[in-house]
Amino acid sequence: MDLGTLAGQVRQVTGLAASMRDMERILAALLASEDIWRIVELAGVPLLVVCAGLHCLAEAGWVETTGSAVRLTQDGEEGCARLRIAPARALACPRCGGRGVELGLLRELEAEFHRLVAGRPEASQEFDQGYVTEETTIARVAAMWAKGDLEGKDLLILGDDDLVSLAAALSGLPRRVAVLDADTRITSFITAAADRAGLSVAVHEHDLRRPLPSALRSRFDTFLCDPTESLQGFLLFAGRGLSALRGPGGAGYLGLTHAEASLAKWRAIQRQLLEWGTVITDLHDRFHSYVNWPYVEMMRAWERLPVRRAPGRLEPWYRSALLRIELVAEAEVELGPVAGDIFIDHEAATI
């Protein structure tokens, strides 16, 4: 078997973009681990492509499953050697976890933030939720602070099951913090937590399928969101965020995965962001670590996995990059109301 043949089989089975390099990444991950969730993390290609690739490799006799383990057979190991594929390496900086930012003075917020978010709402599949670890949330605040996008600025959070609004308000750095979310559980929790802590957070219950309220348009210096991974949904969140910025110099922070977004989707997103008047100034891959959500066994990809072992709650496998964009021209975003499901596309795996 060669990588081109394998990629062609995966494309035929899934209808998804799958390249020879994607197949190489899957094999490199198999050389590094026998754990399905670690393989998915190390491969860094869409989860549905990983599943199909592993099934095709098993049919070719290159992969076998034993209990919960997924491993290369002798034929698979010899094939990797012929193809000169090396094991995937995880070489993240041990100090910052590969994020490229340290918490610094914000480290003092961790204990208080932990107390403040106790009893938070659990992730809901209805809204395609999956929140990041508490350390990741504070690291986002640190990243915005380091770029001059937080202190003395007006900050808008679009969808906040990660509770970034509370961490940002705890820091005392922003001039104003506002949050929009369609989930009543989230808006109620943030309002109550902010009241208990004496924090100023303006909370709005709002479905981003509708344009922003006029009072929030062109009123902010910075926005942050962790959009749903469908192409339509991602661009909807990004476009609404851009409509909230005052103009050139305004910044946006967005999360984007490899597990549900092929490089072809990344390209489409980047092209649209450029057309809207922005430039990508920073990209920190694998910045975000997510707490495993309670509906893993109900997600779209579950039945396609070669072995079905639910990951532990704090066994991170789902990660995403942090993108920073900045407006260099007036935002040219024309997004009216959107109807229907914004969470699903052909690469969506966790919904």
Protein backbone atom coordinates (compact mmCIF):
# COMPACT_ATOMS: atom_id res chain seq x y z
CA MET A 1 0.00 0.00 0.00
CA ASP A 2 1.18 3.52 -0.75
CA LEU A 3 -0.04 6.75 0.77
CA GLY A 4 -1.76 7.90 -2.41
CA THR A 5 -3.85 4.73 -2.57
CA LEU A 6 -4.74 5.03 1.12
CA ALA A 7 -5.76 8.68 0.75
CA GLY A 8 -7.90 7.77 -2.26
CA GLN A 9 -9.69 5.06 -0.28
CA VAL A 10 -10.40 7.48 2.57
CA ARG A 11 -11.75 10.09 0.16
CA GLN A 12 -14.00 7.47 -1.44
CA VAL A 13 -15.34 6.25 1.92
CA THR A 14 -15.87 9.66 3.52
CA GLY A 15 -16.23 12.18 0.70
CA LEU A 16 -13.81 14.35 2.70
CA ALA A 17 -10.56 15.99 1.67
CA ALA A 18 -7.74 13.60 2.59
CA SER A 19 -4.17 13.96 1.38
CA MET A 20 -1.11 11.72 1.32
CA ARG A 21 0.33 13.94 4.06
CA ASP A 22 -2.75 13.31 6.20
CA MET A 23 -2.16 9.56 5.85
CA GLU A 24 1.47 10.05 6.84
CA ARG A 25 0.34 11.91 9.95
CA ILE A 26 -2.01 9.07 10.94
CA LEU A 27 0.76 6.50 10.57
CA ALA A 28 3.19 8.71 12.51
CA ALA A 29 0.66 8.89 15.34
CA LEU A 30 0.29 5.09 15.30
CA LEU A 31 4.07 4.79 15.64
CA ALA A 32 3.88 6.95 18.76
CA SER A 33 0.84 5.53 20.60
CA GLU A 34 -1.67 2.68 20.77
CA ASP A 35 -4.32 4.79 22.52
CA ILE A 36 -7.10 5.93 20.19
CA TRP A 37 -7.50 9.38 21.73
CA ARG A 38 -3.76 10.04 21.74
CA ILE A 39 -3.61 8.91 18.10
CA VAL A 40 -6.36 11.38 17.21
CA GLU A 41 -4.55 14.17 19.06
CA LEU A 42 -1.14 13.46 17.54
CA ALA A 43 -2.43 12.98 13.98
CA GLY A 44 -3.90 16.49 13.84
CA VAL A 45 -6.28 15.70 10.97
CA PRO A 46 -10.09 15.58 11.00
CA LEU A 47 -11.42 12.90 13.34
CA LEU A 48 -13.63 11.35 10.65
CA VAL A 49 -10.58 11.06 8.37
CA VAL A 50 -8.61 9.38 11.17
CA CYS A 51 -11.43 6.87 11.71
CA ALA A 52 -11.67 6.03 8.01
CA GLY A 53 -7.90 5.85 7.65
CA LEU A 54 -7.61 3.38 10.53
CA HIS A 55 -10.35 1.18 9.08
CA CYS A 56 -8.65 1.15 5.66
CA LEU A 57 -5.30 0.33 7.26
CA ALA A 58 -6.93 -2.52 9.17
CA GLU A 59 -8.39 -3.94 5.95
CA ALA A 60 -4.90 -3.80 4.41
CA GLY A 61 -3.45 -5.69 7.36
CA TRP A 62 -1.41 -2.75 8.64
CA VAL A 63 -3.45 -2.12 11.80
CA GLU A 64 -5.03 -4.38 14.39
CA THR A 65 -7.12 -3.75 17.49
CA THR A 66 -6.73 -5.62 20.75
CA GLY A 67 -9.09 -4.64 23.53
CA SER A 68 -8.91 -0.85 23.59
CA ALA A 69 -5.52 -0.69 21.83
CA VAL A 70 -4.97 0.27 18.18
CA ARG A 71 -1.57 -0.81 16.93
CA LEU A 72 0.46 -1.36 13.81
CA THR A 73 1.00 -4.93 12.73
CA GLN A 74 4.42 -6.13 11.61
CA ASP A 75 3.37 -5.37 8.02
CA GLY A 76 2.38 -1.88 9.13
CA GLU A 77 5.67 -1.25 10.90
CA GLU A 78 7.61 -2.51 7.90
CA GLY A 79 5.49 -0.35 5.61
CA CYS A 80 6.21 2.73 7.71
CA ALA A 81 9.92 1.92 7.58
CA ARG A 82 9.80 1.65 3.77
CA LEU A 83 7.97 4.97 3.60
CA ARG A 84 10.47 6.49 6.05
CA ILE A 85 7.74 7.67 8.40
CA ALA A 86 8.95 8.69 11.85
CA PRO A 87 6.86 8.67 15.05
CA ALA A 88 4.89 11.82 15.82
CA ARG A 89 6.62 13.99 18.40
CA ALA A 90 4.97 16.08 21.10
CA LEU A 91 7.63 18.65 21.95
CA ALA A 92 5.59 21.34 23.66
CA CYS A 93 7.40 23.72 26.00
CA PRO A 94 6.99 22.34 29.55
CA ARG A 95 6.64 25.84 31.05
CA CYS A 96 3.82 27.19 28.91
CA GLY A 97 2.39 23.95 27.51
CA GLY A 98 3.25 25.10 23.99
CA ARG A 99 0.96 28.13 24.20
CA GLY A 100 3.71 30.69 23.80
CA VAL A 101 2.44 32.72 26.76
CA GLU A 102 2.93 32.46 30.52
CA LEU A 103 0.27 33.45 33.02
CA GLY A 104 2.59 35.80 34.92
CA LEU A 105 0.66 37.90 37.42
CA LEU A 106 -2.58 36.27 36.30
CA ARG A 107 -1.45 33.05 38.00
CA GLU A 108 -2.84 34.63 41.18
CA LEU A 109 -6.34 34.46 39.68
CA GLU A 110 -6.41 30.68 39.34
CA ALA A 111 -7.67 29.82 42.83
CA GLU A 112 -10.29 32.57 42.83
CA PHE A 113 -11.46 31.67 39.32
CA HIS A 114 -11.71 28.01 40.35
CA ARG A 115 -13.98 28.92 43.26
CA LEU A 116 -16.05 31.28 41.13
CA VAL A 117 -16.84 28.72 38.42
CA ALA A 118 -17.65 25.81 40.74
CA GLY A 119 -21.00 24.33 39.81
CA ARG A 120 -20.80 25.63 36.24
CA PRO A 121 -23.29 24.26 33.69
CA GLU A 122 -22.16 21.07 31.96
CA ALA A 123 -21.43 21.15 28.24
CA SER A 124 -24.57 20.77 26.12
CA GLN A 125 -24.66 18.94 22.80
CA GLU A 126 -27.58 21.14 21.75
CA PHE A 127 -25.21 24.09 21.46
CA ASP A 128 -22.14 22.07 20.38
CA GLN A 129 -20.46 23.02 23.66
CA GLY A 130 -17.22 21.73 25.10
CA TYR A 131 -15.41 24.01 27.48
CA VAL A 132 -11.67 24.44 27.93
CA THR A 133 -9.70 23.82 31.11
CA GLU A 134 -9.57 26.61 33.65
CA GLU A 135 -5.86 27.14 32.98
CA THR A 136 -6.63 27.53 29.27
CA THR A 137 -9.25 30.18 30.03
CA ILE A 138 -6.75 32.21 32.05
CA ALA A 139 -4.13 31.69 29.34
CA ARG A 140 -6.52 33.29 26.85
CA VAL A 141 -6.78 36.32 29.10
CA ALA A 142 -2.97 36.43 29.33
CA ALA A 143 -2.66 36.23 25.53
CA MET A 144 -4.99 39.19 25.05
CA TRP A 145 -3.17 41.15 27.75
CA ALA A 146 0.23 40.47 26.17
CA LYS A 147 -0.96 41.85 22.81
CA GLY A 148 -2.43 45.04 24.29
CA ASP A 149 -5.98 43.91 23.58
CA LEU A 150 -7.26 43.72 27.17
CA GLU A 151 -6.04 46.41 29.55
CA GLY A 152 -8.24 49.48 29.29
CA LYS A 153 -10.17 47.92 26.41
CA ASP A 154 -13.81 47.05 25.79
CA LEU A 155 -14.09 43.26 25.42
CA LEU A 156 -16.96 41.24 23.92
CA ILE A 157 -17.24 37.45 24.36
CA LEU A 158 -19.43 35.65 21.82
CA GLY A 159 -20.59 32.42 23.43
CA ASP A 160 -19.03 31.83 26.83
CA ASP A 161 -19.34 28.30 28.19
CA ASP A 162 -15.58 28.76 28.88
CA LEU A 163 -16.43 31.65 31.26
CA VAL A 164 -13.72 33.92 29.86
CA SER A 165 -15.85 36.91 30.79
CA LEU A 166 -15.50 36.08 34.49
CA ALA A 167 -11.74 35.52 34.26
CA ALA A 168 -11.26 38.77 32.35
CA ALA A 169 -13.39 40.71 34.83
CA LEU A 170 -11.47 39.15 37.75
CA SER A 171 -8.23 40.49 36.29
CA GLY A 172 -9.55 44.04 36.60
CA LEU A 173 -7.83 44.88 33.30
CA PRO A 174 -10.64 45.54 30.77
CA ARG A 175 -12.58 48.77 30.84
CA ARG A 176 -15.75 46.84 29.99
CA VAL A 177 -16.69 43.17 29.60
CA ALA A 178 -19.82 42.04 27.78
CA VAL A 179 -20.95 38.54 26.87
CA LEU A 180 -23.51 37.13 24.46
CA ASP A 181 -24.82 33.57 24.71
CA ALA A 182 -27.94 31.74 23.53
CA ASP A 183 -27.89 29.28 26.45
CA THR A 184 -29.98 30.53 29.38
CA ARG A 185 -28.00 28.28 31.75
CA ILE A 186 -24.77 30.08 30.79
CA THR A 187 -26.16 33.61 30.97
CA SER A 188 -27.81 32.92 34.33
CA PHE A 189 -24.64 31.38 35.76
CA ILE A 190 -22.41 34.26 34.64
CA THR A 191 -24.84 36.84 35.99
CA ALA A 192 -25.05 35.12 39.39
CA ALA A 193 -21.30 34.51 39.65
CA ALA A 194 -20.47 38.10 38.70
CA ASP A 195 -22.95 39.39 41.29
CA ARG A 196 -21.42 37.20 44.02
CA ALA A 197 -17.92 38.43 43.22
CA GLY A 198 -18.91 42.06 42.69
CA LEU A 199 -17.77 41.99 39.07
CA SER A 200 -19.11 44.15 36.27
CA VAL A 201 -20.11 41.92 33.36
CA ALA A 202 -22.88 42.89 30.95
CA VAL A 203 -24.72 39.69 30.02
CA HIS A 204 -26.99 39.41 26.98
CA GLU A 205 -29.00 36.36 25.98
CA HIS A 206 -28.71 36.35 22.21
CA ASP A 207 -28.66 33.82 19.38
CA LEU A 208 -25.88 34.72 16.94
CA ARG A 209 -27.99 33.52 14.06
CA ARG A 210 -29.45 37.00 14.43
CA PRO A 211 -27.33 40.13 13.86
CA LEU A 212 -25.93 41.84 16.92
CA PRO A 213 -28.17 44.35 18.69
CA SER A 214 -27.46 47.83 17.35
CA ALA A 215 -26.19 48.94 20.78
CA LEU A 216 -23.31 46.45 20.49
CA ARG A 217 -22.17 47.14 16.94
CA SER A 218 -18.91 49.04 16.45
CA ARG A 219 -18.54 49.49 20.22
CA PHE A 220 -15.66 47.16 21.17
CA ASP A 221 -11.89 47.00 20.85
CA THR A 222 -11.59 43.22 21.14
CA PHE A 223 -13.79 40.19 20.69
CA LEU A 224 -13.20 36.55 21.59
CA CYS A 225 -15.11 33.45 20.59
CA ASP A 226 -14.66 29.70 20.26
CA PRO A 227 -16.93 29.07 17.31
CA THR A 228 -18.66 25.91 16.25
CA GLU A 229 -16.47 24.09 13.73
CA SER A 230 -18.78 24.04 10.71
CA LEU A 231 -17.61 26.46 8.03
CA GLN A 232 -20.88 28.39 8.12
CA GLY A 233 -20.94 28.50 11.91
CA PHE A 234 -17.31 29.54 12.26
CA LEU A 235 -17.68 32.40 9.79
CA LEU A 236 -20.95 33.46 11.39
CA PHE A 237 -19.27 33.85 14.80
CA ALA A 238 -16.27 35.62 13.25
CA GLY A 239 -18.45 37.96 11.21
CA ARG A 240 -20.60 38.92 14.19
CA GLY A 241 -17.44 39.61 16.18
CA LEU A 242 -16.02 41.84 13.47
CA SER A 243 -19.26 43.80 13.33
CA ALA A 244 -18.74 44.62 17.02
CA LEU A 245 -15.30 46.20 16.50
CA ARG A 246 -14.85 49.94 16.24
CA GLY A 247 -12.61 49.72 13.19
CA PRO A 248 -8.99 49.25 12.10
CA GLY A 249 -6.80 48.11 14.98
CA GLY A 250 -9.61 46.11 16.55
CA ALA A 251 -8.68 42.52 17.32
CA GLY A 252 -10.45 39.18 17.41
CA TYR A 253 -9.47 35.89 19.05
CA LEU A 254 -10.90 32.63 17.73
CA GLY A 255 -10.40 28.91 18.32
CA LEU A 256 -10.04 26.51 15.39
CA THR A 257 -9.35 22.77 15.51
CA HIS A 258 -7.79 20.18 13.25
CA ALA A 259 -10.13 17.48 14.58
CA GLU A 260 -13.12 18.98 12.75
CA ALA A 261 -11.51 21.29 10.23
CA SER A 262 -9.34 20.14 7.33
CA LEU A 263 -6.66 22.42 5.95
CA ALA A 264 -9.04 23.04 3.04
CA LYS A 265 -11.51 24.49 5.56
CA TRP A 266 -8.72 26.48 7.21
CA ARG A 267 -7.92 27.95 3.79
CA ALA A 268 -11.55 28.91 3.16
CA ILE A 269 -11.72 30.58 6.58
CA GLN A 270 -8.48 32.48 6.05
CA ARG A 271 -9.61 33.68 2.63
CA GLN A 272 -12.88 35.03 4.05
CA LEU A 273 -11.15 36.72 6.99
CA LEU A 274 -8.83 38.49 4.55
CA GLU A 275 -11.76 39.59 2.40
CA TRP A 276 -13.42 41.04 5.48
CA GLY A 277 -10.48 43.37 6.05
CA THR A 278 -8.46 41.42 8.61
CA VAL A 279 -5.02 39.87 8.79
CA ILE A 280 -4.01 36.88 10.92
CA THR A 281 -1.27 38.23 13.19
CA ASP A 282 -0.79 35.24 15.52
CA LEU A 283 -1.52 31.53 15.42
CA HIS A 284 -0.79 29.33 18.43
CA ASP A 285 -1.53 25.73 17.51
CA ARG A 286 -2.89 23.44 20.26
CA PHE A 287 -3.32 26.44 22.56
CA HIS A 288 -6.64 25.18 23.93
CA SER A 289 -7.15 21.99 25.95
CA TYR A 290 -10.75 20.88 26.45
CA VAL A 291 -12.42 19.08 29.32
CA ASN A 292 -14.10 16.00 27.87
CA TRP A 293 -17.82 16.52 27.50
CA PRO A 294 -20.45 14.09 28.83
CA TYR A 295 -21.91 13.23 25.42
CA VAL A 296 -18.80 11.64 23.84
CA GLU A 297 -20.67 8.36 23.27
CA MET A 298 -23.46 10.21 21.44
CA MET A 299 -21.28 12.23 19.10
CA ARG A 300 -21.25 11.63 15.37
CA ALA A 301 -17.80 10.00 15.28
CA TRP A 302 -18.38 7.47 18.08
CA GLU A 303 -19.67 4.63 15.91
CA ARG A 304 -16.83 5.15 13.41
CA LEU A 305 -14.01 4.68 15.91
CA PRO A 306 -12.09 1.41 15.54
CA VAL A 307 -12.26 0.94 19.32
CA ARG A 308 -14.80 2.59 21.60
CA ARG A 309 -13.31 3.71 24.87
CA ALA A 310 -14.67 6.88 26.41
CA PRO A 311 -11.80 9.19 27.40
CA GLY A 312 -11.44 10.28 30.99
CA ARG A 313 -12.80 13.70 31.83
CA LEU A 314 -9.31 15.20 32.12
CA GLU A 315 -7.69 13.09 29.41
CA PRO A 316 -7.19 15.81 26.80
CA TRP A 317 -7.38 14.86 23.14
CA TYR A 318 -9.49 17.65 21.66
CA ARG A 319 -7.38 20.74 21.18
CA SER A 320 -7.63 23.85 19.08
CA ALA A 321 -5.45 26.66 17.87
CA LEU A 322 -5.81 30.25 19.02
CA LEU A 323 -5.98 32.69 16.12
CA ARG A 324 -5.59 36.43 16.56
CA ILE A 325 -6.90 38.62 13.75
CA GLU A 326 -6.70 42.39 13.43
CA LEU A 327 -8.70 44.74 11.27
CA VAL A 328 -6.50 46.71 8.86
CA ALA A 329 -9.45 48.25 7.02
CA GLU A 330 -13.07 48.94 7.80
CA ALA A 331 -14.82 45.61 8.23
CA GLU A 332 -16.74 44.60 5.13
CA VAL A 333 -19.13 42.13 6.70
CA GLU A 334 -22.65 41.73 5.39
CA LEU A 335 -24.33 38.98 7.38
CA GLY A 336 -28.08 39.00 7.80
CA PRO A 337 -30.15 36.55 9.83
CA VAL A 338 -29.25 32.87 9.37
CA ALA A 339 -31.79 30.07 9.65
CA GLY A 340 -31.32 26.43 10.51
CA ASP A 341 -28.49 24.32 11.88
CA ILE A 342 -25.14 26.11 12.05
CA PHE A 343 -23.33 23.26 13.82
CA ILE A 344 -23.15 20.52 11.17
CA ASP A 345 -21.08 20.19 8.04
CA HIS A 346 -19.42 17.17 6.38
CA GLU A 347 -16.38 17.36 8.72
CA ALA A 348 -18.28 17.86 11.99
CA ALA A 349 -17.51 14.91 14.28
CA THR A 350 -18.42 15.85 17.84
CA ILE A 351 -21.97 17.11 17.47
